[in-house]
């Protein structure tokens, strides 16, 4: 089908909640995508940090093929071996605790907040139920997570928001400390802000938050939905400061492209959740659990966390070179393969120019480009990207 015809049909039948670009992908291999007209693109978006193994990875294909020969779904009213094995895998990579499975990042964060509130209410006779989050944060698009998110642009039109959330400036420990009251049950934090434009907090920020949580006997929730699975050069971004959270929410890269979310809960906190206190029909079904296990195993056996650190550092150096050559580019930053640059021109203009030149880019803010490519990205792909970006920037009037 012609792309114009597809755009018209989409406009007629699909809710207009996304500004869709005029491209439809029909094939992918490694870090490359092909559109419906056969044009090849280097992908620096990875489905928004989801496709960590890129496209058509043989281990993903094998896992999906094998999973399709078993029951796809059985419900959590029964034992689900693949889910149990996946939970054990995640615990072995984090801390002693329990895992709850769901379908998305927003659901994972909702679950984290539910656990924190239940723990707070039951340990304080109902007094502790407020969660502190940060400005410019992004935790999802459900009503509760809109209320938690610190960006007015995603909240507008959905008032009244849910009570029980307080926003403080990101990276400001003093402001966070001042916001803690007898009603606070938890702090929910992104180790790096993703949708906020790849904002990196000052060194010691996460450790400072954990210390405050311990001092005030409240929970530390880390939102690793975008930063987890090796994205920042550590398997978990919280490991950069060697803290142990009470609750971790993850999704995106966990399934490598199939929808899955999960919440890791420290053992002492997990005891608060009893049969009937939470649930979900599809969470952790045999199909997604089997595929997620293959993703985890591949990340470990192909040493993709170390590759993310190495290639990410090289990518950052090349972005800084780009910054030194082009006055339009500012503040190259990032950890691992989670990077960004600020611009003196609309970022969407560069996204469109990127598509014309075979490069998939992402405008995460009005004047910010975000780079969250597959973790299989190599230095040669970085060089290819920088060459294209350089040509695009030179053409900006």
Foldseek 3Di string as FASTA:
>chain_A
DQLVVVVVVCVVPPPPPDPDDSFAWDDWDAQWTATPVGDIFGEQQLVPLFQQRTGPDVLLVVLLVVLVVDDQFDFPVDDFVLLVVLQVLVCVQAHPFGKWKDFAQLVLVVVVLLLLQLLLCVVPVHQARAEEEEALAARDLDLQRLLQYRDVVSVPPVPPGDDRYHYYHPQDLVRVLVPDDSHHAEYEYECFGALSFRHHHDPCSLVSRVVSCVVSVHFYEYECANPACLQQLGNGSSVVNPDHGQKYKYFRHLQSPGGMIMMTGHHVSVVSDDPPSDGDGGTSGNSSSSSSVSSSVCCVVVVLSNLLQVLVVVLLVLLVVLVVVAVQWDDWDGGRQWTKIFGPAFVVVVCVQSVVVRYHWDDSDRGMIIGRTHSSDDNVSSVVVSVSSSVSRVPDD
